[in-house]
Protein backbone atom coordinates (compact mmCIF):
# COMPACT_ATOMS: atom_id res chain seq x y z
CA MET A 1 22.27 27.94 16.71
CA VAL A 2 20.40 29.29 19.87
CA VAL A 3 19.52 26.34 22.21
CA GLY A 4 16.61 27.03 24.95
CA GLU A 5 17.89 27.43 28.53
CA ILE A 6 15.36 24.91 30.18
CA SER A 7 13.77 22.11 29.10
CA GLN A 8 10.22 22.49 28.45
CA GLN A 9 7.44 19.73 29.40
CA ARG A 10 5.63 17.67 27.18
CA ASN A 11 2.60 14.97 28.49
CA LEU A 12 2.54 13.18 24.61
CA ILE A 13 5.17 14.07 22.04
CA ILE A 14 4.74 12.24 18.54
CA ILE A 15 7.82 12.05 16.32
CA GLY A 16 6.31 12.21 12.88
CA GLY A 17 2.85 13.40 10.95
CA GLY A 18 2.45 10.94 8.53
CA PRO A 19 -0.85 9.02 8.69
CA GLY A 20 0.52 7.25 11.56
CA GLY A 21 1.27 9.73 13.52
CA TYR A 22 -1.32 12.42 12.71
CA SER A 23 -4.05 9.77 13.21
CA ALA A 24 -2.69 8.95 16.96
CA ALA A 25 -2.60 12.69 17.53
CA ILE A 26 -5.71 13.07 17.05
CA ARG A 27 -7.29 10.13 18.92
CA GLY A 28 -4.75 11.18 21.47
CA ALA A 29 -6.82 14.16 21.75
CA GLN A 30 -9.81 13.01 21.38
CA LEU A 31 -8.99 10.75 24.59
CA GLY A 32 -8.19 13.83 26.87
CA LEU A 33 -4.13 14.02 26.46
CA SER A 34 -2.12 16.73 25.38
CA VAL A 35 -0.20 15.99 22.46
CA THR A 36 2.37 17.44 20.51
CA LEU A 37 3.20 16.54 16.96
CA ILE A 38 7.20 17.14 15.45
CA GLU A 39 7.06 16.92 12.20
CA GLN A 40 10.79 17.90 10.04
CA ALA A 41 8.33 18.54 6.85
CA ASP A 42 5.19 18.54 5.80
CA LEU A 43 2.41 17.31 7.85
CA GLY A 44 0.91 14.28 5.96
CA GLY A 45 4.12 12.43 5.82
CA VAL A 46 5.34 10.82 2.48
CA CYS A 47 2.38 9.11 2.29
CA LEU A 48 0.49 12.19 1.23
CA ASN A 49 2.92 14.40 -0.35
CA LYS A 50 4.41 12.16 -2.40
CA GLY A 51 3.94 8.43 -1.94
CA CYS A 52 -0.17 7.06 -1.29
CA ILE A 53 -2.21 10.28 -2.72
CA PRO A 54 0.28 11.30 -5.54
CA SER A 55 0.61 7.72 -6.91
CA LYS A 56 -2.72 7.20 -6.68
CA ILE A 57 -3.45 10.18 -8.24
CA PHE A 58 -1.47 9.06 -11.49
CA THR A 59 -3.13 5.11 -10.89
CA HIS A 60 -6.84 7.38 -11.34
CA ALA A 61 -5.41 8.98 -14.25
CA ALA A 62 -4.48 6.09 -16.18
CA THR A 63 -7.87 4.58 -15.58
CA LYS A 64 -9.17 6.83 -16.81
CA ARG A 65 -6.88 7.18 -19.67
CA SER A 66 -7.86 2.90 -20.46
CA GLU A 67 -11.87 4.19 -20.66
CA THR A 68 -11.45 5.93 -23.50
CA LYS A 69 -12.61 3.72 -26.49
CA HIS A 70 -15.50 2.66 -23.53
CA LEU A 71 -16.33 6.48 -23.51
CA GLN A 72 -16.08 6.38 -27.04
CA ASP A 73 -18.89 3.30 -27.53
CA LEU A 74 -21.28 5.62 -25.11
CA GLY A 75 -21.33 8.25 -27.36
CA ILE A 76 -19.08 10.74 -25.40
CA GLY A 77 -15.40 11.98 -26.14
CA ASN A 78 -14.27 12.89 -29.97
CA GLY A 79 -11.22 10.29 -30.43
CA ASP A 80 -9.10 13.25 -29.05
CA ASP A 81 -6.71 10.61 -26.94
CA ALA A 82 -4.14 12.95 -26.20
CA PHE A 83 -2.21 13.43 -22.55
CA TYR A 84 -0.85 16.29 -20.86
CA VAL A 85 1.52 15.49 -17.60
CA ASN A 86 1.75 19.31 -16.96
CA LYS A 87 -1.99 19.42 -16.48
CA LEU A 88 -1.50 16.05 -14.06
CA LEU A 89 1.48 17.27 -12.23
CA THR A 90 -0.64 20.07 -11.44
CA TYR A 91 -3.54 18.39 -10.17
CA LYS A 92 -1.99 16.13 -8.32
CA ASP A 93 -0.43 19.56 -6.60
CA LYS A 94 -4.01 20.57 -6.26
CA VAL A 95 -5.08 17.53 -4.34
CA ILE A 96 -1.88 16.98 -1.94
CA ALA A 97 -2.26 21.07 -1.28
CA GLY A 98 -6.20 20.58 -0.43
CA LEU A 99 -5.46 17.22 2.10
CA ARG A 100 -2.32 18.86 3.65
CA ALA A 101 -4.73 21.56 4.66
CA GLY A 102 -7.17 19.38 6.19
CA VAL A 103 -4.35 17.83 8.28
CA GLU A 104 -3.37 21.13 9.51
CA SER A 105 -6.87 22.32 10.35
CA LEU A 106 -8.27 19.19 11.87
CA CYS A 107 -4.62 19.18 14.55
CA LYS A 108 -5.60 23.25 14.74
CA GLU A 109 -9.22 22.04 15.75
CA ASN A 110 -8.07 19.75 18.45
CA GLN A 111 -5.69 21.54 19.83
CA ILE A 112 -2.49 19.94 18.57
CA GLU A 113 0.68 21.68 19.44
CA VAL A 114 1.90 21.06 16.12
CA ILE A 115 6.35 21.61 16.34
CA SER A 116 8.34 21.52 13.18
CA GLY A 117 11.67 20.71 13.39
CA LYS A 118 14.24 17.28 13.53
CA ALA A 119 13.62 15.58 16.52
CA THR A 120 16.53 13.75 18.27
CA PHE A 121 16.96 11.97 21.78
CA LEU A 122 18.95 12.92 24.61
CA GLY A 123 17.64 10.62 27.01
CA VAL A 124 14.76 8.12 28.16
CA ASP A 125 12.27 10.90 28.84
CA ARG A 126 14.34 13.91 26.71
CA ILE A 127 14.48 14.82 23.01
CA GLY A 128 15.92 17.94 21.17
CA VAL A 129 14.25 20.02 18.40
CA GLU A 130 16.34 21.83 15.84
CA ASN A 131 14.56 23.96 13.61
CA GLY A 132 16.95 26.15 11.80
CA HIS A 133 18.98 28.12 14.63
CA GLN A 134 17.08 27.01 17.12
CA PHE A 135 17.24 24.03 19.54
CA ASP A 136 14.36 23.19 22.06
CA ILE A 137 15.06 20.70 24.72
CA PHE A 138 11.63 18.55 25.69
CA GLU A 139 11.38 16.44 28.73
CA PHE A 140 8.09 13.53 28.12
CA GLU A 141 6.25 11.26 29.96
CA GLN A 142 5.42 9.52 26.46
CA VAL A 143 6.53 9.52 23.27
CA ILE A 144 5.15 8.26 20.19
CA ILE A 145 8.02 7.43 17.03
CA ALA A 146 6.65 7.72 13.72
CA THR A 147 8.72 8.55 11.12
CA GLY A 148 8.50 6.05 8.63
CA SER A 149 10.98 4.60 6.26
CA THR A 150 12.73 5.86 3.08
CA PRO A 151 13.52 3.41 -0.60
CA MET A 152 17.32 2.42 -1.09
CA MET A 153 19.20 1.72 -3.73
CA PRO A 154 19.24 -2.80 -3.92
CA LEU A 155 22.92 -3.52 -2.49
CA GLY A 156 25.31 -4.26 -5.18
CA LEU A 157 24.04 -1.26 -7.49
CA LYS A 158 25.65 1.77 -8.16
CA GLU A 159 24.84 5.31 -6.59
CA LYS A 160 21.15 6.21 -8.41
CA GLY A 161 21.30 8.91 -11.72
CA GLU A 162 18.48 10.68 -13.34
CA ARG A 163 16.95 8.09 -14.84
CA ILE A 164 17.23 5.57 -11.98
CA LEU A 165 13.69 6.18 -10.32
CA LEU A 166 12.42 5.22 -6.92
CA SER A 167 9.14 5.51 -5.25
CA HIS A 168 8.86 8.82 -3.56
CA GLU A 169 10.56 10.61 -7.17
CA ILE A 170 8.41 8.05 -10.07
CA PHE A 171 5.26 10.40 -9.06
CA GLU A 172 7.40 13.80 -10.00
CA ILE A 173 8.28 12.41 -13.13
CA GLU A 174 7.49 15.77 -15.91
CA GLU A 175 7.50 13.47 -18.53
CA ILE A 176 6.29 9.88 -19.48
CA PRO A 177 9.10 7.69 -20.26
CA PRO A 178 9.32 6.53 -23.53
CA HIS A 179 10.57 2.61 -22.30
CA LEU A 180 10.01 2.52 -18.39
CA ILE A 181 11.88 -0.69 -16.83
CA VAL A 182 10.36 -2.03 -13.73
CA ASN A 183 11.94 -3.94 -10.95
CA GLY A 184 9.84 -5.38 -7.87
CA GLN A 185 7.55 -7.60 -7.28
CA ASP A 186 5.12 -5.66 -4.56
CA TYR A 187 1.68 -3.47 -5.13
CA ILE A 188 4.35 -0.42 -5.62
CA ALA A 189 5.69 -1.89 -8.88
CA LEU A 190 2.43 -3.15 -10.13
CA GLU A 191 0.67 0.36 -10.13
CA VAL A 192 3.76 1.81 -11.71
CA ALA A 193 3.84 -0.76 -14.28
CA SER A 194 0.46 -0.50 -15.04
CA SER A 195 -0.18 3.14 -14.55
CA PHE A 196 2.78 4.07 -17.30
CA ALA A 197 1.80 1.55 -19.90
CA ALA A 198 -1.72 3.29 -19.89
CA LEU A 199 -0.89 6.92 -19.94
CA GLY A 200 1.83 5.96 -22.83
CA SER A 201 5.17 4.49 -22.02
CA LYS A 202 6.67 1.21 -22.99
CA VAL A 203 6.77 -0.57 -20.38
CA THR A 204 9.11 -4.08 -18.98
CA ILE A 205 8.85 -5.18 -15.96
CA LEU A 206 11.18 -7.42 -14.08
CA PHE A 207 10.27 -9.84 -11.05
CA ASP A 208 12.73 -11.01 -8.67
CA ASP A 209 13.15 -14.46 -7.71
CA LYS A 210 11.40 -13.85 -4.68
CA GLY A 211 7.90 -15.45 -6.08
CA ASP A 212 4.70 -14.54 -6.75
CA THR A 213 3.11 -11.84 -4.94
CA PHE A 214 -0.68 -12.93 -4.95
CA ASP A 215 -2.71 -16.18 -5.18
CA GLU A 216 -1.76 -17.99 -8.25
CA SER A 217 -4.69 -17.36 -10.33
CA ILE A 218 -3.98 -13.52 -9.32
CA ASN A 219 -1.07 -13.85 -10.86
CA LYS A 220 -1.99 -15.71 -14.02
CA GLU A 221 -4.37 -13.36 -14.78
CA LEU A 222 -2.06 -10.12 -14.32
CA ASN A 223 0.17 -11.74 -16.69
CA ARG A 224 -2.03 -12.21 -19.36
CA LEU A 225 -3.00 -8.69 -19.34
CA PHE A 226 -0.02 -7.44 -19.35
CA LYS A 227 0.57 -9.45 -22.24
CA ARG A 228 -2.67 -7.66 -23.88
CA ARG A 229 -1.68 -4.62 -23.49
CA LYS A 230 2.13 -5.47 -24.61
CA ILE A 231 4.02 -5.10 -20.99
CA THR A 232 6.87 -7.45 -21.83
CA VAL A 233 7.51 -9.69 -18.18
CA TYR A 234 10.91 -11.23 -17.64
CA LYS A 235 11.15 -13.75 -13.94
CA ASP A 236 13.30 -15.58 -11.84
CA VAL A 237 15.23 -12.03 -12.17
CA GLN A 238 18.49 -10.71 -10.42
CA LEU A 239 19.90 -7.55 -11.01
CA ILE A 240 23.38 -7.28 -11.77
CA SER A 241 24.60 -3.92 -13.00
CA THR A 242 23.16 -0.73 -14.76
CA ASN A 243 24.81 1.55 -17.34
CA GLU A 244 23.53 5.27 -17.44
CA THR A 245 23.86 7.55 -20.43
CA GLU A 246 22.25 11.03 -21.83
CA SER A 247 19.55 9.18 -23.68
CA GLU A 248 18.97 5.92 -22.02
CA ILE A 249 19.66 3.35 -19.42
CA ALA A 250 21.50 -0.36 -19.51
CA ILE A 251 20.13 -3.04 -17.21
CA THR A 252 21.67 -5.80 -17.11
CA PHE A 253 20.39 -9.15 -15.03
CA THR A 254 19.93 -12.87 -15.13
CA ASN A 255 16.98 -14.28 -16.33
CA LYS A 256 16.96 -18.14 -15.13
CA ASN A 257 20.46 -17.82 -14.96
CA VAL A 258 20.84 -16.63 -18.34
CA GLU A 259 22.77 -13.07 -18.65
CA GLU A 260 20.67 -10.28 -20.32
CA THR A 261 20.72 -6.63 -20.91
CA ILE A 262 17.71 -4.37 -21.98
CA THR A 263 18.47 -0.92 -22.39
CA GLY A 264 15.06 1.66 -21.97
CA SER A 265 15.16 5.62 -21.29
CA HIS A 266 14.15 5.29 -16.96
CA PHE A 267 14.42 2.43 -14.38
CA PHE A 268 12.16 2.20 -11.82
CA LEU A 269 13.05 0.55 -8.37
CA THR A 270 10.75 -0.66 -5.71
CA GLY A 271 13.90 -0.48 -3.63
CA ILE A 272 14.77 -1.82 -0.35
CA ARG A 273 13.05 0.60 2.26
CA THR A 274 14.91 0.77 5.53
CA PRO A 275 13.44 2.87 8.84
CA ASN A 276 13.97 6.04 9.48
CA VAL A 277 15.43 6.04 12.97
CA GLU A 278 19.21 6.57 12.33
CA PRO A 279 18.80 10.48 13.00
CA LEU A 280 16.58 10.41 16.07
CA GLY A 281 19.87 8.85 17.93
CA ILE A 282 17.61 6.06 19.37
CA LYS A 283 20.76 3.23 19.73
CA ARG A 284 22.45 5.42 22.62
CA ILE A 285 19.37 5.58 24.33
CA GLY A 286 19.32 1.22 23.89
CA ILE A 287 16.06 0.56 22.32
CA VAL A 288 15.46 -2.52 21.29
CA GLN A 289 15.47 -3.01 17.08
CA SER A 290 15.84 -5.96 14.58
CA ASP A 291 19.05 -6.94 12.82
CA GLU A 292 17.46 -4.60 9.86
CA GLY A 293 17.00 -2.08 12.32
CA PHE A 294 13.50 -2.03 12.83
CA ILE A 295 12.26 -1.06 15.91
CA GLN A 296 11.04 -4.15 17.86
CA VAL A 297 7.80 -3.50 20.19
CA ASP A 298 5.06 -5.40 22.14
CA GLY A 299 0.93 -5.42 21.20
CA ASN A 300 0.47 -2.31 22.26
CA MET A 301 3.62 -0.45 20.37
CA GLN A 302 5.67 0.07 23.34
CA THR A 303 9.12 -0.52 23.05
CA SER A 304 12.02 -1.97 25.46
CA ILE A 305 12.25 1.03 26.69
CA PRO A 306 8.36 1.96 28.86
CA SER A 307 7.75 5.55 28.22
CA ILE A 308 8.77 5.23 24.16
CA TYR A 309 6.52 3.30 21.72
CA ALA A 310 6.60 3.22 17.79
CA ILE A 311 4.38 2.60 15.19
CA GLY A 312 4.49 2.42 11.64
CA ASP A 313 6.93 1.64 8.69
CA VAL A 314 9.77 1.91 11.52
CA THR A 315 8.44 -1.65 13.42
CA GLU A 316 8.21 -4.72 12.07
CA GLY A 317 6.41 -6.43 9.29
CA SER A 318 4.47 -4.86 6.72
CA LEU A 319 5.46 -1.23 5.20
CA MET A 320 1.75 0.14 4.79
CA ALA A 321 -0.46 3.26 5.75
CA ILE A 322 -3.47 1.12 6.70
CA LYS A 323 -0.87 -0.79 9.64
CA ALA A 324 0.41 2.56 10.52
CA ILE A 325 -2.88 4.20 11.14
CA LYS A 326 -4.11 1.32 13.42
CA GLN A 327 -0.96 1.10 15.46
CA GLY A 328 -1.16 5.00 15.90
CA LYS A 329 -4.64 4.68 17.53
CA ALA A 330 -3.77 1.76 19.43
CA ALA A 331 -0.59 3.32 20.91
CA VAL A 332 -2.65 6.26 22.67
CA GLU A 333 -5.58 4.17 24.01
CA ALA A 334 -2.98 2.26 25.51
CA ILE A 335 -1.54 5.17 26.83
CA ALA A 336 -4.77 6.72 28.06
CA GLY A 337 -5.64 3.16 30.31
CA ARG A 338 -7.19 1.40 27.73
CA LYS A 339 -6.89 -1.96 26.47
CA PRO A 340 -6.59 -1.96 22.23
CA GLU A 341 -5.71 -5.03 20.12
CA VAL A 342 -3.81 -4.45 16.90
CA ASP A 343 -4.31 -7.82 14.64
CA LEU A 344 -2.69 -7.89 11.23
CA THR A 345 -3.88 -11.83 10.16
CA PHE A 346 -6.17 -10.07 7.95
CA LEU A 347 -4.30 -6.77 6.68
CA PRO A 348 -5.10 -6.17 3.17
CA ILE A 349 -2.70 -6.44 0.38
CA VAL A 350 -4.38 -3.84 -2.07
CA ALA A 351 -2.91 -2.65 -5.58
CA HIS A 352 -4.60 0.46 -7.61
CA THR A 353 -3.62 -1.33 -10.66
CA ILE A 354 -6.01 -1.80 -14.16
CA PRO A 355 -7.69 -3.01 -13.08
CA PRO A 356 -7.42 -3.16 -9.00
CA ILE A 357 -6.71 -5.86 -7.14
CA VAL A 358 -7.47 -6.71 -3.59
CA SER A 359 -6.07 -10.05 -1.33
CA VAL A 360 -7.30 -11.16 2.03
CA GLY A 361 -6.50 -13.78 3.97
CA LEU A 362 -5.39 -17.46 2.94
CA THR A 363 -4.00 -18.24 -0.87
CA GLU A 364 -5.01 -21.47 -1.99
CA GLN A 365 -1.50 -22.84 -2.29
CA ASN A 366 -1.44 -21.61 1.37
CA ALA A 367 -4.44 -23.10 2.47
CA ARG A 368 -3.19 -26.46 0.66
CA ASN A 369 0.43 -26.24 2.17
CA PHE A 370 -1.68 -26.14 5.57
CA GLY A 371 -3.46 -29.08 5.02
CA MET A 372 -6.78 -27.89 4.97
CA GLU A 373 -9.48 -29.51 3.02
CA VAL A 374 -10.90 -26.72 1.05
CA ARG A 375 -13.81 -25.67 -1.75
CA VAL A 376 -12.33 -23.49 -4.12
CA SER A 377 -14.61 -21.01 -6.04
CA GLN A 378 -13.51 -18.19 -9.03
CA PHE A 379 -16.97 -15.72 -10.70
CA PRO A 380 -15.70 -14.20 -13.94
CA LEU A 381 -16.93 -10.48 -13.79
CA ALA A 382 -17.86 -11.24 -17.55
CA GLY A 383 -20.41 -12.72 -15.96
CA ASN A 384 -21.46 -9.95 -13.84
CA GLY A 385 -24.53 -8.02 -15.52
CA TYR A 386 -23.14 -4.51 -14.35
CA ALA A 387 -19.45 -5.42 -15.08
CA SER A 388 -20.75 -5.48 -18.80
CA ILE A 389 -22.55 -2.09 -18.39
CA THR A 390 -19.32 -0.27 -17.63
CA GLY A 391 -17.19 -2.05 -19.73
CA LYS A 392 -15.09 -3.80 -16.65
CA LYS A 393 -15.61 -7.09 -17.53
CA ASP A 394 -11.82 -8.24 -16.86
CA GLY A 395 -11.00 -10.11 -13.74
CA PHE A 396 -12.66 -12.54 -10.69
CA ILE A 397 -13.57 -12.77 -7.37
CA LYS A 398 -12.28 -16.22 -6.13
CA VAL A 399 -13.56 -17.82 -2.26
CA ILE A 400 -11.54 -20.03 -0.48
CA ALA A 401 -13.68 -21.99 1.92
CA ASP A 402 -12.79 -24.88 4.41
CA SER A 403 -14.91 -27.66 3.12
CA THR A 404 -15.58 -29.06 7.14
CA THR A 405 -16.09 -25.67 8.54
CA GLU A 406 -17.64 -24.15 5.31
CA ILE A 407 -15.69 -20.81 6.92
CA ILE A 408 -14.29 -18.51 4.64
CA SER A 409 -10.40 -18.71 4.98
CA GLY A 410 -9.33 -16.10 1.82
CA ILE A 411 -11.04 -13.72 -1.04
CA HIS A 412 -8.74 -12.26 -3.66
CA MET A 413 -10.56 -10.04 -6.37
CA ILE A 414 -9.09 -8.70 -9.38
CA GLY A 415 -11.34 -6.13 -11.56
CA GLU A 416 -13.24 -3.32 -10.71
CA GLY A 417 -14.40 -2.53 -7.30
CA ALA A 418 -11.94 -4.29 -5.73
CA ILE A 419 -10.80 -1.64 -3.46
CA GLU A 420 -14.26 -1.22 -2.34
CA MET A 421 -15.04 -4.30 -1.60
CA SER A 422 -11.92 -4.95 0.25
CA GLY A 423 -13.19 -3.61 3.78
CA THR A 424 -16.00 -6.35 3.37
CA PHE A 425 -13.52 -8.61 2.41
CA VAL A 426 -11.70 -7.94 5.98
CA GLN A 427 -14.92 -8.03 7.78
CA LEU A 428 -16.24 -11.56 6.52
CA LEU A 429 -12.38 -13.27 7.42
CA GLU A 430 -12.52 -11.63 10.92
CA MET A 431 -16.09 -12.47 11.41
CA ALA A 432 -15.08 -16.41 10.96
CA ALA A 433 -17.98 -15.97 8.14
CA LYS A 434 -19.14 -19.44 7.14
CA GLU A 435 -20.73 -19.12 3.11
CA GLU A 436 -24.47 -19.08 4.72
CA ASP A 437 -23.48 -15.64 6.51
CA VAL A 438 -22.31 -14.46 2.70
CA LYS A 439 -25.56 -16.20 0.97
CA PHE A 440 -27.95 -14.72 3.22
CA PRO A 441 -28.10 -11.03 2.85
CA LEU A 442 -29.04 -9.24 -0.30
CA TYR A 443 -26.85 -7.73 -2.63
CA ALA A 444 -27.74 -4.37 -4.80
CA HIS A 445 -28.60 -5.13 -8.75
CA PRO A 446 -26.74 -4.77 -10.90
CA GLY A 447 -23.45 -4.21 -9.00
CA PHE A 448 -20.14 -5.87 -8.57
CA SER A 449 -20.71 -6.71 -5.40
CA GLU A 450 -23.11 -9.41 -6.39
CA GLY A 451 -19.96 -10.92 -7.74
CA LEU A 452 -19.19 -11.70 -4.46
CA LEU A 453 -22.21 -13.73 -3.64
CA GLU A 454 -22.01 -15.70 -6.78
CA ALA A 455 -18.49 -16.42 -5.90
CA VAL A 456 -19.57 -18.12 -2.55
CA GLU A 457 -22.91 -19.65 -4.34
CA GLY A 458 -20.31 -21.33 -7.00
CA LEU A 459 -18.50 -23.88 -3.77
CA ILE A 460 -21.25 -25.58 -3.59
CA GLY A 461 -22.70 -25.20 -7.86
CA GLN A 462 -25.05 -22.87 -6.98
CA ALA A 463 -24.00 -19.47 -8.83
CA ILE A 464 -26.68 -18.31 -11.15
CA HIS A 465 -24.57 -16.77 -14.32
CA ILE A 466 -21.64 -19.87 -13.92
CA ALA A 467 -22.29 -22.61 -16.58
CA PRO A 468 -23.14 -25.77 -14.61
CA SER A 469 -20.09 -28.04 -14.57
CA LYS A 470 -20.45 -31.29 -16.85
CA LYS A 471 -19.88 -33.38 -13.62
CA LYS A 472 -23.05 -33.49 -11.97
CA THR A 473 -23.08 -32.30 -8.63
CA LEU A 474 -25.26 -33.16 -5.56
CA LEU A 475 -26.59 -29.43 -5.01
CA LYS A 476 -27.12 -27.86 -1.00
CA VAL A 477 -30.44 -26.64 -0.46
């Protein structure tokens, strides 16, 4: 190993080139900071190269395959329902390469110094970067840790074999599993179950005993759709063991305190995500961490050491790219002397299932548990004209409002258009919108967004495309 004789001076160093890291780097450059970005693998991080983007390519393909019958109804296609996973993998690689090249170009255009290598803290103001036989030392004014997280096997299970797949591996698979068993309850597990069922796998999903992820109405609809698609669901599951052979894998678990064993061709686990901080050596410089190893930060993403910041999956809370991006921008704005604000109260939960799901704000049960007097309205997409045109009639939009103040406190949707409308849902809750704020604007017709209008109108019995309740209600005018 060749060690640099003297340390090099840097203004701002960002460790990790994922969405949070490179967004922070670009925002830093926009604010006039001299930025050095260190990444030990590919720019874009796990999200672009192995996580968010690959998974959405699979969910997009699965969605398109599920539309075969509707396309035939429109006179498109000849009934060929074949699926070629090798072509999908080629397409995935092409998209990822293009996006990664775009990130590399943006860093270059913003005059961001990009260094390949593995970073380690040598002190509160110095890091070492190892790249093959080269080892360089850098002194910094500020540094942002943006190294993400890694899925790990749950405690108590054997070491994983070839038929056990974690989130960074499932979208590299070169065959569609004949029988995929999915364990997990978050959006990743739901996306995997939904997508591979549409791509031809027999799917069994094992939900744990931690409760439902979404509003109870969403969960009920999701279970209905799983049943219709012949996805077998076990609830209140606790894993006991796995036993893998050359041709299959057996999963033993308790289901409502009864032990069962099922076999499949592959087993997907969401796993337990652990922050990628151990190789950094942060313990030796005294950065405060939680019991689980996540770095603790203040509202400006500053750690217990003033010159060191942390963002994204290495910090406590939701492990989502949108959180990392928001925190990354806020961290560099704080470093530049601005007064940023990061409020994750209305962080949307998004699942690219078939159909997609978005949840923002309080669920109905949350609101009632808080003692709120609420009005609740649920508009079925089957009543939406554009849903009939596109054949996307599954699902609904549900709105929860405080009956006293008329402020909307939660919006939940399962159905086509949910992902694109999620930004509107967040904006409405951020601005403490009242029912009238949603009713006043004009909505494109025909369009899925009309469903939001009708869901809000339904709070007071004014929805046009919902049959009136048998119980007469005095309408507001």
